[in-house]
Structure formats: C-alpha cells, structure tokens
Amino acid sequence: MAMVFSVSLAGGATYEVEAEPRDSVSHLRLKLEKQIEVPEACYLKMFHSTEVLPEGKLVSELDAEQPIFAVVARETDVEKLLQAAGSYNGYKELLKRAGSPGGATNIKVIPVIPSILAVLEDMGGLPVTIEHLKSTEHGLEMSTQGHLLLPALNAEPLLSLNKKERFSKVVYRVQLNSDAYNRGTVDSKGLPSYIYNGYGLEGDKNCNAIKFHPAMEQGQLRVEGVGGFGNSDMGFTPQNWTQSGHKFHSFEVTIGADGKNNLRVVGTEGEIFKKSWKNILTDGKHLPALHGWLDMGGEALMLGKIALEVHLA
C-alpha cells in the first residue's frame, strides 16, 4: 500500500509525496525534485525528526505521520560538479554578454573563459582540490594525462538573444606550453619504442586530439581521430616552457558546423603554423568540450588564457 509523506521546505512550502514501502529515500527525493526547482550543482538534503535520511534507507522504515524536512544543499563532490559544469549559470551569462569586436554583429567574443577550478569553486561554494591540477601565477598547471578545461555548452542563450538558429563556426583560443618531451618507452630488448597511446580520444565519441611536441625538431604536430593528419613539420622548432622563459604558444582552433576545421598556431617567437582537417564536431547549436591532455614526458602542461569566438550563421 502506498505511503504519503508531507515534506516541508525551509521557505515554508509543503508538498505531498507518494511512495511505495519498497522505495528508498532516494526515490522519494527524486519525486520531490520533479515538483520543485533545485538550482544547478545543488541537491535536497532530507531530515526525519533529527535524523539526516540516508539515500538507501527504505521509506517503510519511516513514520508517515511525522513530517519530513528538506533543505537545498550545495553539491561538493568534485566528480558530480564536473558532470554538472555544462549547466553552470556563469557560462550562460557569458554567452548572453558576448561582445561584437569592431561592430561585427555576426561575431560574438568571450575574451576570457574562467578556469574550470574557478567554475567548480563557484558551483560548490568552496575551494575544490583536483589531483594533478592547480592554479599558478601563469594559469593552470596540469601534471597528469587529462582534465576537462571547458565543458560542452548549449549555445541557446547566445543564439536566441541574436535571433539565430545556429552558428557557422566556433573558434577556441588557448595558450599553452610544456617541458614534456616524448622520450618513448623501453621494450623488452631495452630499445626505445614510440607507440602512441591515443590519450584524448574516446572510442564511443566523435572527437579529435591535437598533439604537440615542444622542443622537438619542427614540432611534429598532428591531429588524431577522424579526418586528422599525422606528424607534420611546423616550419620551426617550438620552444618549450623553460627555453621560452615561461611564454605560451597560442593555439587557435576553428570548428565548423560544416565539418571544415582549421588550426593556427602562433609560436612564442611569433612563428606561425596552419593546417586544416575535416570532421563534424558540432551541430551549430552546441559548443564542443575542450580537454587538456599529456601523453608522456613527465613534465607539466601549462595553460594560460582560454577565449571563445562564435560566428553566427
């Protein structure tokens, strides 16, 4: 027989929630969340008498005659915050406020995207700690394989404001450098082996990974994944983080809704490399996610400013 619980919120509103005796508190909470609006990166914490209700507890163990109280609490679990980062209201506001350089109304620019650490801190209300990722005077320092830098975003706030259905292309501008160097691994005979591991690529998703080798002769830049290209001479040997005196290379990655993508790299000394590839990475309504990756080499990846430019269709 169904049980009916009276759940009161801190503001005084009261809701009737029905549940089967075999249901858990988690089920009860989810049914309540369908009736009220819970802010992003938050959840409902439920109390029965003086007890905080654990998610797995069966409702049959509760006294339906006693009221349940619920309060909205901020999520502090980093993994859950990362999963919810794409709905962060700050990104929506940045898209709404994106300016037009030189009066070009079909181009919208966000000159600085907040770091993912700053976003997670704002969402959770507390400083976050992510292993192998930290803020420095230069920006972010990443010392392991990969981290999310910018989640995939729905461009609707920008498109609707400008009365457009889609964008034609998006340009990411990312400052980066590293002292990491691909020294390869050693095989059973003690000989160096350069077998690339495909970090940055996910088998079940359509994506590309741009691989860059600071201080390697001619840079040997490549794009892995659908439509990409192999190691290519850049026309110059890019300086690493130490050689450059802690200066960044600037990567300008243009992703077209028509599948035509372009890469433009400006080296620390003003050198320029350009190359294109084809792969449909956006539908013109969603901005692709951006990750930072380290294949091998043992040194940190240094990341500076990230900027975004959207060209309306």
C-alpha atoms as a PDB file:
ATOM      1  CA  MET A   1       0.000   0.000   0.000  1.00  0.00           C
ATOM      2  CA  ALA A   2       1.369   3.416  -0.988  1.00  0.00           C
ATOM      3  CA  MET A   3       2.620   5.767   1.730  1.00  0.00           C
ATOM      4  CA  VAL A   4       2.122   9.530   1.589  1.00  0.00           C
ATOM      5  CA  PHE A   5       4.672  11.843   3.184  1.00  0.00           C
ATOM      6  CA  SER A   6       4.406  15.530   3.953  1.00  0.00           C
ATOM      7  CA  VAL A   7       7.660  17.260   3.056  1.00  0.00           C
ATOM      8  CA  SER A   8       8.315  20.851   4.149  1.00  0.00           C
ATOM      9  CA  LEU A   9      10.986  23.143   2.725  1.00  0.00           C
ATOM     10  CA  ALA A  10      12.876  25.829   4.602  1.00  0.00           C
ATOM     11  CA  GLY A  11      10.753  28.554   2.986  1.00  0.00           C
ATOM     12  CA  GLY A  12       7.553  27.057   4.406  1.00  0.00           C
ATOM     13  CA  ALA A  13       6.194  25.359   1.277  1.00  0.00           C
ATOM     14  CA  THR A  14       4.819  21.864   1.856  1.00  0.00           C
ATOM     15  CA  TYR A  15       4.457  19.036  -0.660  1.00  0.00           C
ATOM     16  CA  GLU A  16       2.721  15.669  -0.552  1.00  0.00           C
ATOM     17  CA  VAL A  17       4.909  12.882  -1.939  1.00  0.00           C
ATOM     18  CA  GLU A  18       3.691   9.358  -2.511  1.00  0.00           C
ATOM     19  CA  ALA A  19       5.984   6.323  -2.402  1.00  0.00           C
ATOM     20  CA  GLU A  20       5.758   2.544  -2.144  1.00  0.00           C
ATOM     21  CA  PRO A  21       7.114   0.894   1.033  1.00  0.00           C
ATOM     22  CA  ARG A  22       9.835  -0.811  -1.028  1.00  0.00           C
ATOM     23  CA  ASP A  23      11.046   2.560  -2.386  1.00  0.00           C
ATOM     24  CA  SER A  24      14.156   4.196  -0.996  1.00  0.00           C
ATOM     25  CA  VAL A  25      14.666   7.728   0.311  1.00  0.00           C
ATOM     26  CA  SER A  26      16.477   8.434  -2.964  1.00  0.00           C
ATOM     27  CA  HIS A  27      13.256   7.635  -4.865  1.00  0.00           C
ATOM     28  CA  LEU A  28      11.309   9.922  -2.522  1.00  0.00           C
ATOM     29  CA  ARG A  29      13.792  12.751  -3.089  1.00  0.00           C
ATOM     30  CA  LEU A  30      13.683  12.371  -6.878  1.00  0.00           C
ATOM     31  CA  LYS A  31       9.878  12.534  -6.876  1.00  0.00           C
ATOM     32  CA  LEU A  32      10.019  15.721  -4.808  1.00  0.00           C
ATOM     33  CA  GLU A  33      12.620  17.267  -7.138  1.00  0.00           C
ATOM     34  CA  LYS A  34      10.142  16.874 -10.005  1.00  0.00           C
ATOM     35  CA  GLN A  35       7.779  19.229  -8.158  1.00  0.00           C
ATOM     36  CA  ILE A  36      10.285  21.949  -7.269  1.00  0.00           C
ATOM     37  CA  GLU A  37      13.226  23.634  -8.982  1.00  0.00           C
ATOM     38  CA  VAL A  38      16.573  22.668  -7.493  1.00  0.00           C
ATOM     39  CA  PRO A  39      19.426  25.031  -8.508  1.00  0.00           C
ATOM     40  CA  GLU A  40      22.356  23.691 -10.525  1.00  0.00           C
ATOM     41  CA  ALA A  41      25.025  21.787  -8.587  1.00  0.00           C
ATOM     42  CA  CYS A  42      22.663  21.505  -5.614  1.00  0.00           C
ATOM     43  CA  TYR A  43      20.612  18.692  -4.123  1.00  0.00           C
ATOM     44  CA  LEU A  44      17.940  18.164  -1.499  1.00  0.00           C
ATOM     45  CA  LYS A  45      19.040  17.008   1.942  1.00  0.00           C
ATOM     46  CA  MET A  46      16.162  15.397   3.812  1.00  0.00           C
ATOM     47  CA  PHE A  47      15.571  15.135   7.571  1.00  0.00           C
ATOM     48  CA  HIS A  48      13.131  12.978   9.535  1.00  0.00           C
ATOM     49  CA  SER A  49      12.893  14.062  13.174  1.00  0.00           C
ATOM     50  CA  THR A  50      16.561  14.805  13.929  1.00  0.00           C
ATOM     51  CA  GLU A  51      17.972  12.221  11.514  1.00  0.00           C
ATOM     52  CA  VAL A  52      19.550  13.019   8.149  1.00  0.00           C
ATOM     53  CA  LEU A  53      17.947  10.449   5.867  1.00  0.00           C
ATOM     54  CA  PRO A  54      20.438   8.219   4.030  1.00  0.00           C
ATOM     55  CA  GLU A  55      19.651   7.712   0.333  1.00  0.00           C
ATOM     56  CA  GLY A  56      19.396   3.930   0.598  1.00  0.00           C
ATOM     57  CA  LYS A  57      17.008   3.786   3.523  1.00  0.00           C
ATOM     58  CA  LEU A  58      13.591   2.246   2.757  1.00  0.00           C
ATOM     59  CA  VAL A  59      10.584   4.525   3.250  1.00  0.00           C
ATOM     60  CA  SER A  60       8.843   1.627   5.020  1.00  0.00           C
ATOM     61  CA  GLU A  61      11.200   2.374   7.931  1.00  0.00           C
ATOM     62  CA  LEU A  62       9.847   5.934   8.236  1.00  0.00           C
ATOM     63  CA  ASP A  63       6.815   7.136  10.153  1.00  0.00           C
ATOM     64  CA  ALA A  64       4.495   8.734   7.583  1.00  0.00           C
ATOM     65  CA  GLU A  65       2.711  10.571  10.392  1.00  0.00           C
ATOM     66  CA  GLN A  66       5.884  12.571  11.091  1.00  0.00           C
ATOM     67  CA  PRO A  67       6.810  15.415   8.723  1.00  0.00           C
ATOM     68  CA  ILE A  68       9.961  15.313   6.621  1.00  0.00           C
ATOM     69  CA  PHE A  69      12.013  18.474   6.225  1.00  0.00           C
ATOM     70  CA  ALA A  70      14.134  19.182   3.142  1.00  0.00           C
ATOM     71  CA  VAL A  71      16.789  21.834   2.573  1.00  0.00           C
ATOM     72  CA  VAL A  72      18.672  22.727  -0.594  1.00  0.00           C
ATOM     73  CA  ALA A  73      22.375  21.993  -0.133  1.00  0.00           C
ATOM     74  CA  ARG A  74      25.293  22.701  -2.437  1.00  0.00           C
ATOM     75  CA  GLU A  75      26.988  19.731  -4.056  1.00  0.00           C
ATOM     76  CA  THR A  76      30.642  19.405  -3.009  1.00  0.00           C
ATOM     77  CA  ASP A  77      31.591  16.147  -4.747  1.00  0.00           C
ATOM     78  CA  VAL A  78      34.064  17.183  -7.497  1.00  0.00           C
ATOM     79  CA  GLU A  79      33.034  14.430  -9.918  1.00  0.00           C
ATOM     80  CA  LYS A  80      29.365  15.419  -9.645  1.00  0.00           C
ATOM     81  CA  LEU A  81      30.283  19.082 -10.056  1.00  0.00           C
ATOM     82  CA  LEU A  82      32.246  18.245 -13.221  1.00  0.00           C
ATOM     83  CA  GLN A  83      29.244  16.366 -14.606  1.00  0.00           C
ATOM     84  CA  ALA A  84      27.025  19.384 -13.942  1.00  0.00           C
ATOM     85  CA  ALA A  85      29.523  22.005 -15.153  1.00  0.00           C
ATOM     86  CA  GLY A  86      27.861  22.354 -18.561  1.00  0.00           C
ATOM     87  CA  SER A  87      24.761  23.792 -16.865  1.00  0.00           C
ATOM     88  CA  TYR A  88      26.755  26.356 -14.842  1.00  0.00           C
ATOM     89  CA  ASN A  89      24.827  29.630 -14.949  1.00  0.00           C
ATOM     90  CA  GLY A  90      28.053  31.636 -15.298  1.00  0.00           C
ATOM     91  CA  TYR A  91      28.650  30.148 -18.753  1.00  0.00           C
ATOM     92  CA  LYS A  92      25.115  31.097 -19.790  1.00  0.00           C
ATOM     93  CA  GLU A  93      25.699  34.671 -18.653  1.00  0.00           C
ATOM     94  CA  LEU A  94      28.998  34.848 -20.558  1.00  0.00           C
ATOM     95  CA  LEU A  95      27.233  33.708 -23.743  1.00  0.00           C
ATOM     96  CA  LYS A  96      24.489  36.293 -23.257  1.00  0.00           C
ATOM     97  CA  ARG A  97      27.020  39.092 -22.695  1.00  0.00           C
ATOM     98  CA  ALA A  98      29.412  38.118 -25.518  1.00  0.00           C
ATOM     99  CA  GLY A  99      30.500  41.262 -27.353  1.00  0.00           C
ATOM    100  CA  SER A 100      30.980  42.044 -31.044  1.00  0.00           C
ATOM    101  CA  PRO A 101      34.501  43.236 -31.985  1.00  0.00           C
ATOM    102  CA  GLY A 102      34.577  46.228 -34.309  1.00  0.00           C
ATOM    103  CA  GLY A 103      30.808  46.208 -34.668  1.00  0.00           C
ATOM    104  CA  ALA A 104      30.756  42.827 -36.479  1.00  0.00           C
ATOM    105  CA  THR A 105      27.344  41.728 -35.227  1.00  0.00           C
ATOM    106  CA  ASN A 106      27.686  38.198 -36.634  1.00  0.00           C
ATOM    107  CA  ILE A 107      30.751  37.517 -34.433  1.00  0.00           C
ATOM    108  CA  LYS A 108      30.455  37.146 -30.662  1.00  0.00           C
ATOM    109  CA  VAL A 109      33.535  37.039 -28.450  1.00  0.00           C
ATOM    110  CA  ILE A 110      34.176  35.935 -24.881  1.00  0.00           C
ATOM    111  CA  PRO A 111      37.734  37.200 -24.278  1.00  0.00           C
ATOM    112  CA  VAL A 112      38.394  35.182 -21.108  1.00  0.00           C
ATOM    113  CA  ILE A 113      36.774  31.912 -20.030  1.00  0.00           C
ATOM    114  CA  PRO A 114      37.094  31.274 -16.269  1.00  0.00           C
ATOM    115  CA  SER A 115      39.263  28.308 -15.317  1.00  0.00           C
ATOM    116  CA  ILE A 116      37.496  25.057 -14.568  1.00  0.00           C
ATOM    117  CA  LEU A 117      38.754  25.302 -10.970  1.00  0.00           C
ATOM    118  CA  ALA A 118      37.106  28.713 -10.564  1.00  0.00           C
ATOM    119  CA  VAL A 119      33.866  27.374 -12.051  1.00  0.00           C
ATOM    120  CA  LEU A 120      33.750  24.369  -9.722  1.00  0.00           C
ATOM    121  CA  GLU A 121      34.511  26.574  -6.710  1.00  0.00           C
ATOM    122  CA  ASP A 122      31.636  28.912  -7.603  1.00  0.00           C
ATOM    123  CA  MET A 123      29.265  25.991  -8.141  1.00  0.00           C
ATOM    124  CA  GLY A 124      30.133  24.232  -4.889  1.00  0.00           C
ATOM    125  CA  GLY A 125      30.652  27.334  -2.759  1.00  0.00           C
ATOM    126  CA  LEU A 126      34.027  26.043  -1.522  1.00  0.00           C
ATOM    127  CA  PRO A 127      37.551  25.799  -2.968  1.00  0.00           C
ATOM    128  CA  VAL A 128      37.996  22.472  -4.775  1.00  0.00           C
ATOM    129  CA  THR A 129      41.019  20.230  -4.935  1.00  0.00           C
ATOM    130  CA  ILE A 130      41.670  18.169  -8.062  1.00  0.00           C
ATOM    131  CA  GLU A 131      44.695  15.920  -8.038  1.00  0.00           C
ATOM    132  CA  HIS A 132      47.319  16.938 -10.615  1.00  0.00           C
ATOM    133  CA  LEU A 133      45.549  20.216 -11.478  1.00  0.00           C
ATOM    134  CA  LYS A 134      46.277  23.525  -9.740  1.00  0.00           C
ATOM    135  CA  SER A 135      46.219  27.280 -10.242  1.00  0.00           C
ATOM    136  CA  THR A 136      49.531  29.140 -10.590  1.00  0.00           C
ATOM    137  CA  GLU A 137      50.594  32.696 -11.361  1.00  0.00           C
ATOM    138  CA  HIS A 138      50.611  31.727 -15.052  1.00  0.00           C
ATOM    139  CA  GLY A 139      47.222  29.983 -15.158  1.00  0.00           C
ATOM    140  CA  LEU A 140      46.618  26.259 -14.724  1.00  0.00           C
ATOM    141  CA  GLU A 141      49.267  23.584 -14.250  1.00  0.00           C
ATOM    142  CA  MET A 142      48.296  20.032 -15.187  1.00  0.00           C
ATOM    143  CA  SER A 143      50.595  17.148 -14.340  1.00  0.00           C
ATOM    144  CA  THR A 144      48.701  14.024 -15.397  1.00  0.00           C
ATOM    145  CA  GLN A 145      47.038  12.615 -18.507  1.00  0.00           C
ATOM    146  CA  GLY A 146      43.889  14.674 -18.922  1.00  0.00           C
ATOM    147  CA  HIS A 147      41.410  17.125 -17.439  1.00  0.00           C
ATOM    148  CA  LEU A 148      38.287  18.935 -18.574  1.00  0.00           C
ATOM    149  CA  LEU A 149      39.023  22.594 -19.335  1.00  0.00           C
ATOM    150  CA  LEU A 150      35.654  23.666 -20.749  1.00  0.00           C
ATOM    151  CA  PRO A 151      32.502  21.504 -20.836  1.00  0.00           C
ATOM    152  CA  ALA A 152      30.299  21.200 -23.896  1.00  0.00           C
ATOM    153  CA  LEU A 153      27.884  24.136 -23.838  1.00  0.00           C
ATOM    154  CA  ASN A 154      24.443  24.730 -25.275  1.00  0.00           C
ATOM    155  CA  ALA A 155      24.727  27.932 -27.350  1.00  0.00           C
ATOM    156  CA  GLU A 156      20.997  28.658 -26.996  1.00  0.00           C
ATOM    157  CA  PRO A 157      21.459  31.713 -24.679  1.00  0.00           C
ATOM    158  CA  LEU A 158      23.594  33.400 -27.351  1.00  0.00           C
ATOM    159  CA  LEU A 159      21.566  32.204 -30.353  1.00  0.00           C
ATOM    160  CA  SER A 160      18.144  33.181 -29.002  1.00  0.00           C
ATOM    161  CA  LEU A 161      19.387  36.618 -27.959  1.00  0.00           C
ATOM    162  CA  ASN A 162      20.585  37.220 -31.532  1.00  0.00           C
ATOM    163  CA  LYS A 163      17.525  35.566 -33.130  1.00  0.00           C
ATOM    164  CA  LYS A 164      19.606  32.853 -34.780  1.00  0.00           C
ATOM    165  CA  GLU A 165      19.015  29.102 -35.008  1.00  0.00           C
ATOM    166  CA  ARG A 166      22.657  28.077 -35.195  1.00  0.00           C
ATOM    167  CA  PHE A 167      26.252  29.253 -35.550  1.00  0.00           C
ATOM    168  CA  SER A 168      28.516  28.542 -38.524  1.00  0.00           C
ATOM    169  CA  LYS A 169      31.739  28.024 -36.563  1.00  0.00           C
ATOM    170  CA  VAL A 170      33.350  28.440 -33.167  1.00  0.00           C
ATOM    171  CA  VAL A 171      36.955  29.460 -32.521  1.00  0.00           C
ATOM    172  CA  TYR A 172      38.821  28.392 -29.382  1.00  0.00           C
ATOM    173  CA  ARG A 173      41.976  30.298 -28.462  1.00  0.00           C
ATOM    174  CA  VAL A 174      44.155  28.514 -25.929  1.00  0.00           C
ATOM    175  CA  GLN A 175      47.557  29.478 -24.513  1.00  0.00           C
ATOM    176  CA  LEU A 176      49.779  26.513 -23.641  1.00  0.00           C
ATOM    177  CA  ASN A 177      53.318  25.203 -23.316  1.00  0.00           C
ATOM    178  CA  SER A 178      55.221  22.448 -21.538  1.00  0.00           C
ATOM    179  CA  ASP A 179      58.630  20.968 -20.830  1.00  0.00           C
ATOM    180  CA  ALA A 180      57.184  17.496 -21.505  1.00  0.00           C
ATOM    181  CA  TYR A 181      59.054  15.629 -24.216  1.00  0.00           C
ATOM    182  CA  ASN A 182      58.172  12.310 -25.850  1.00  0.00           C
ATOM    183  CA  ARG A 183      61.064  10.062 -24.904  1.00  0.00           C
ATOM    184  CA  GLY A 184      59.069   6.918 -25.664  1.00  0.00           C
ATOM    185  CA  THR A 185      59.102   3.724 -23.632  1.00  0.00           C
ATOM    186  CA  VAL A 186      61.625   0.896 -23.476  1.00  0.00           C
ATOM    187  CA  ASP A 187      60.753  -2.515 -24.955  1.00  0.00           C
ATOM    188  CA  SER A 188      61.843  -5.952 -23.735  1.00  0.00           C
ATOM    189  CA  LYS A 189      65.149  -5.594 -25.599  1.00  0.00           C
ATOM    190  CA  GLY A 190      65.949  -2.271 -23.993  1.00  0.00           C
ATOM    191  CA  LEU A 191      65.269  -0.313 -27.189  1.00  0.00           C
ATOM    192  CA  PRO A 192      63.174   2.876 -27.213  1.00  0.00           C
ATOM    193  CA  SER A 193      59.656   2.411 -28.547  1.00  0.00           C
ATOM    194  CA  TYR A 194      57.392   5.283 -29.643  1.00  0.00           C
ATOM    195  CA  ILE A 195      53.917   3.796 -29.513  1.00  0.00           C
ATOM    196  CA  TYR A 196      51.284   6.472 -29.122  1.00  0.00           C
ATOM    197  CA  ASN A 197      48.580   5.727 -26.615  1.00  0.00           C
ATOM    198  CA  GLY A 198      45.689   7.724 -28.038  1.00  0.00           C
ATOM    199  CA  TYR A 199      45.078   9.770 -24.887  1.00  0.00           C
ATOM    200  CA  GLY A 200      42.410  12.348 -25.639  1.00  0.00           C
ATOM    201  CA  LEU A 201      40.401  10.026 -27.875  1.00  0.00           C
ATOM    202  CA  GLU A 202      37.303   8.162 -26.718  1.00  0.00           C
ATOM    203  CA  GLY A 203      36.222   5.141 -28.730  1.00  0.00           C
ATOM    204  CA  ASP A 204      32.498   5.802 -28.381  1.00  0.00           C
ATOM    205  CA  LYS A 205      32.640   9.526 -29.192  1.00  0.00           C
ATOM    206  CA  ASN A 206      33.482  11.544 -32.282  1.00  0.00           C
ATOM    207  CA  CYS A 207      36.410  13.714 -31.239  1.00  0.00           C
ATOM    208  CA  ASN A 208      39.883  14.872 -32.249  1.00  0.00           C
ATOM    209  CA  ALA A 209      43.073  15.280 -30.238  1.00  0.00           C
ATOM    210  CA  ILE A 210      45.725  17.814 -31.248  1.00  0.00           C
ATOM    211  CA  LYS A 211      49.186  16.519 -30.267  1.00  0.00           C
ATOM    212  CA  PHE A 212      52.052  18.999 -29.940  1.00  0.00           C
ATOM    213  CA  HIS A 213      55.731  18.427 -29.103  1.00  0.00           C
ATOM    214  CA  PRO A 214      57.532  21.495 -27.678  1.00  0.00           C
ATOM    215  CA  ALA A 215      61.312  21.426 -28.312  1.00  0.00           C
ATOM    216  CA  MET A 216      61.026  18.528 -30.787  1.00  0.00           C
ATOM    217  CA  GLU A 217      62.630  19.249 -34.163  1.00  0.00           C
ATOM    218  CA  GLN A 218      59.999  21.007 -36.311  1.00  0.00           C
ATOM    219  CA  GLY A 219      57.335  20.391 -33.656  1.00  0.00           C
ATOM    220  CA  GLN A 220      55.833  17.303 -35.333  1.00  0.00           C
ATOM    221  CA  LEU A 221      52.268  18.404 -34.705  1.00  0.00           C
ATOM    222  CA  ARG A 222      49.414  16.058 -35.550  1.00  0.00           C
ATOM    223  CA  VAL A 223      45.648  15.726 -35.181  1.00  0.00           C
ATOM    224  CA  GLU A 224      44.460  12.276 -34.079  1.00  0.00           C
ATOM    225  CA  GLY A 225      40.978  10.952 -34.758  1.00  0.00           C
ATOM    226  CA  VAL A 226      38.573  11.136 -37.699  1.00  0.00           C
ATOM    227  CA  GLY A 227      39.871  13.247 -40.603  1.00  0.00           C
ATOM    228  CA  GLY A 228      43.099  14.147 -38.795  1.00  0.00           C
ATOM    229  CA  PHE A 229      46.672  14.117 -40.043  1.00  0.00           C
ATOM    230  CA  GLY A 230      49.991  12.620 -38.957  1.00  0.00           C
ATOM    231  CA  ASN A 231      53.125  14.287 -37.591  1.00  0.00           C
ATOM    232  CA  SER A 232      53.751  17.460 -39.591  1.00  0.00           C
ATOM    233  CA  ASP A 233      56.713  19.820 -39.745  1.00  0.00           C
ATOM    234  CA  MET A 234      55.636  23.169 -38.350  1.00  0.00           C
ATOM    235  CA  GLY A 235      58.340  25.144 -40.152  1.00  0.00           C
ATOM    236  CA  PHE A 236      60.011  25.928 -36.837  1.00  0.00           C
ATOM    237  CA  THR A 237      61.052  24.162 -33.650  1.00  0.00           C
ATOM    238  CA  PRO A 238      58.702  25.397 -30.902  1.00  0.00           C
ATOM    239  CA  GLN A 239      60.423  26.397 -27.688  1.00  0.00           C
ATOM    240  CA  ASN A 240      59.379  24.584 -24.552  1.00  0.00           C
ATOM    241  CA  TRP A 241      58.302  26.269 -21.312  1.00  0.00           C
ATOM    242  CA  THR A 242      61.830  26.693 -19.938  1.00  0.00           C
ATOM    243  CA  GLN A 243      63.504  27.646 -23.243  1.00  0.00           C
ATOM    244  CA  SER A 244      60.910  30.338 -23.901  1.00  0.00           C
ATOM    245  CA  GLY A 245      61.332  31.927 -20.485  1.00  0.00           C
ATOM    246  CA  HIS A 246      57.821  30.816 -19.466  1.00  0.00           C
ATOM    247  CA  LYS A 247      55.968  32.039 -22.554  1.00  0.00           C
ATOM    248  CA  PHE A 248      52.934  30.474 -24.188  1.00  0.00           C
ATOM    249  CA  HIS A 249      52.235  29.195 -27.688  1.00  0.00           C
ATOM    250  CA  SER A 250      48.778  30.295 -28.849  1.00  0.00           C
ATOM    251  CA  PHE A 251      46.504  27.688 -30.425  1.00  0.00           C
ATOM    252  CA  GLU A 252      43.558  28.932 -32.473  1.00  0.00           C
ATOM    253  CA  VAL A 253      41.224  26.024 -33.221  1.00  0.00           C
ATOM    254  CA  THR A 254      38.295  26.702 -35.560  1.00  0.00           C
ATOM    255  CA  ILE A 255      35.490  24.133 -35.541  1.00  0.00           C
ATOM    256  CA  GLY A 256      32.986  24.490 -38.387  1.00  0.00           C
ATOM    257  CA  ALA A 257      29.415  23.224 -38.356  1.00  0.00           C
ATOM    258  CA  ASP A 258      30.097  22.089 -41.931  1.00  0.00           C
ATOM    259  CA  GLY A 259      32.935  19.841 -40.731  1.00  0.00           C
ATOM    260  CA  LYS A 260      35.718  22.082 -42.001  1.00  0.00           C
ATOM    261  CA  ASN A 261      38.175  22.688 -39.167  1.00  0.00           C
ATOM    262  CA  ASN A 262      41.337  24.757 -39.015  1.00  0.00           C
ATOM    263  CA  LEU A 263      44.299  25.002 -36.697  1.00  0.00           C
ATOM    264  CA  ARG A 264      46.539  28.061 -36.421  1.00  0.00           C
ATOM    265  CA  VAL A 265      49.472  28.065 -34.014  1.00  0.00           C
ATOM    266  CA  VAL A 266      51.426  31.198 -33.128  1.00  0.00           C
ATOM    267  CA  GLY A 267      54.744  30.252 -31.509  1.00  0.00           C
ATOM    268  CA  THR A 268      56.381  32.017 -28.598  1.00  0.00           C
ATOM    269  CA  GLU A 269      58.558  33.985 -31.055  1.00  0.00           C
ATOM    270  CA  GLY A 270      55.712  34.852 -33.421  1.00  0.00           C
ATOM    271  CA  GLU A 271      56.175  31.866 -35.764  1.00  0.00           C
ATOM    272  CA  ILE A 272      53.006  30.642 -37.496  1.00  0.00           C
ATOM    273  CA  PHE A 273      51.787  27.173 -38.457  1.00  0.00           C
ATOM    274  CA  LYS A 274      48.450  26.427 -40.173  1.00  0.00           C
ATOM    275  CA  LYS A 275      46.705  23.231 -41.212  1.00  0.00           C
ATOM    276  CA  SER A 276      43.135  22.008 -41.668  1.00  0.00           C
ATOM    277  CA  TRP A 277      41.172  18.770 -41.350  1.00  0.00           C
ATOM    278  CA  LYS A 278      37.586  17.595 -41.823  1.00  0.00           C
ATOM    279  CA  ASN A 279      35.328  16.133 -39.157  1.00  0.00           C
ATOM    280  CA  ILE A 280      31.881  17.225 -37.980  1.00  0.00           C
ATOM    281  CA  LEU A 281      32.327  18.086 -34.291  1.00  0.00           C
ATOM    282  CA  THR A 282      29.341  20.409 -33.792  1.00  0.00           C
ATOM    283  CA  ASP A 283      25.751  20.757 -34.981  1.00  0.00           C
ATOM    284  CA  GLY A 284      25.927  24.544 -34.870  1.00  0.00           C
ATOM    285  CA  LYS A 285      23.902  24.580 -31.653  1.00  0.00           C
ATOM    286  CA  HIS A 286      26.360  23.132 -29.130  1.00  0.00           C
ATOM    287  CA  LEU A 287      29.930  24.193 -28.412  1.00  0.00           C
ATOM    288  CA  PRO A 288      32.272  21.170 -28.186  1.00  0.00           C
ATOM    289  CA  ALA A 289      34.048  20.392 -24.907  1.00  0.00           C
ATOM    290  CA  LEU A 290      37.729  21.201 -24.510  1.00  0.00           C
ATOM    291  CA  HIS A 291      40.209  18.986 -22.634  1.00  0.00           C
ATOM    292  CA  GLY A 292      43.895  19.230 -21.843  1.00  0.00           C
ATOM    293  CA  TRP A 293      45.993  16.072 -22.309  1.00  0.00           C
ATOM    294  CA  LEU A 294      49.502  14.841 -21.629  1.00  0.00           C
ATOM    295  CA  ASP A 295      50.592  11.693 -23.453  1.00  0.00           C
ATOM    296  CA  MET A 296      54.023  11.183 -21.921  1.00  0.00           C
ATOM    297  CA  GLY A 297      57.161  13.102 -20.981  1.00  0.00           C
ATOM    298  CA  GLY A 298      56.826  13.566 -17.242  1.00  0.00           C
ATOM    299  CA  GLU A 299      56.559  17.365 -17.093  1.00  0.00           C
ATOM    300  CA  ALA A 300      53.501  19.543 -16.501  1.00  0.00           C
ATOM    301  CA  LEU A 301      51.279  21.172 -19.112  1.00  0.00           C
ATOM    302  CA  MET A 302      50.996  24.917 -18.513  1.00  0.00           C
ATOM    303  CA  LEU A 303      47.747  26.587 -19.601  1.00  0.00           C
ATOM    304  CA  GLY A 304      47.095  30.309 -19.887  1.00  0.00           C
ATOM    305  CA  LYS A 305      44.005  32.149 -21.121  1.00  0.00           C
ATOM    306  CA  ILE A 306      41.164  30.454 -22.978  1.00  0.00           C
ATOM    307  CA  ALA A 307      38.958  32.604 -25.207  1.00  0.00           C
ATOM    308  CA  LEU A 308      35.901  31.829 -27.325  1.00  0.00           C
ATOM    309  CA  GLU A 309      34.623  33.334 -30.574  1.00  0.00           C
ATOM    310  CA  VAL A 310      31.292  32.318 -32.117  1.00  0.00           C
ATOM    311  CA  HIS A 311      30.389  33.128 -35.740  1.00  0.00           C
ATOM    312  CA  LEU A 312      26.635  33.231 -36.235  1.00  0.00           C
ATOM    313  CA  ALA A 313      25.151  31.564 -39.308  1.00  0.00           C
END
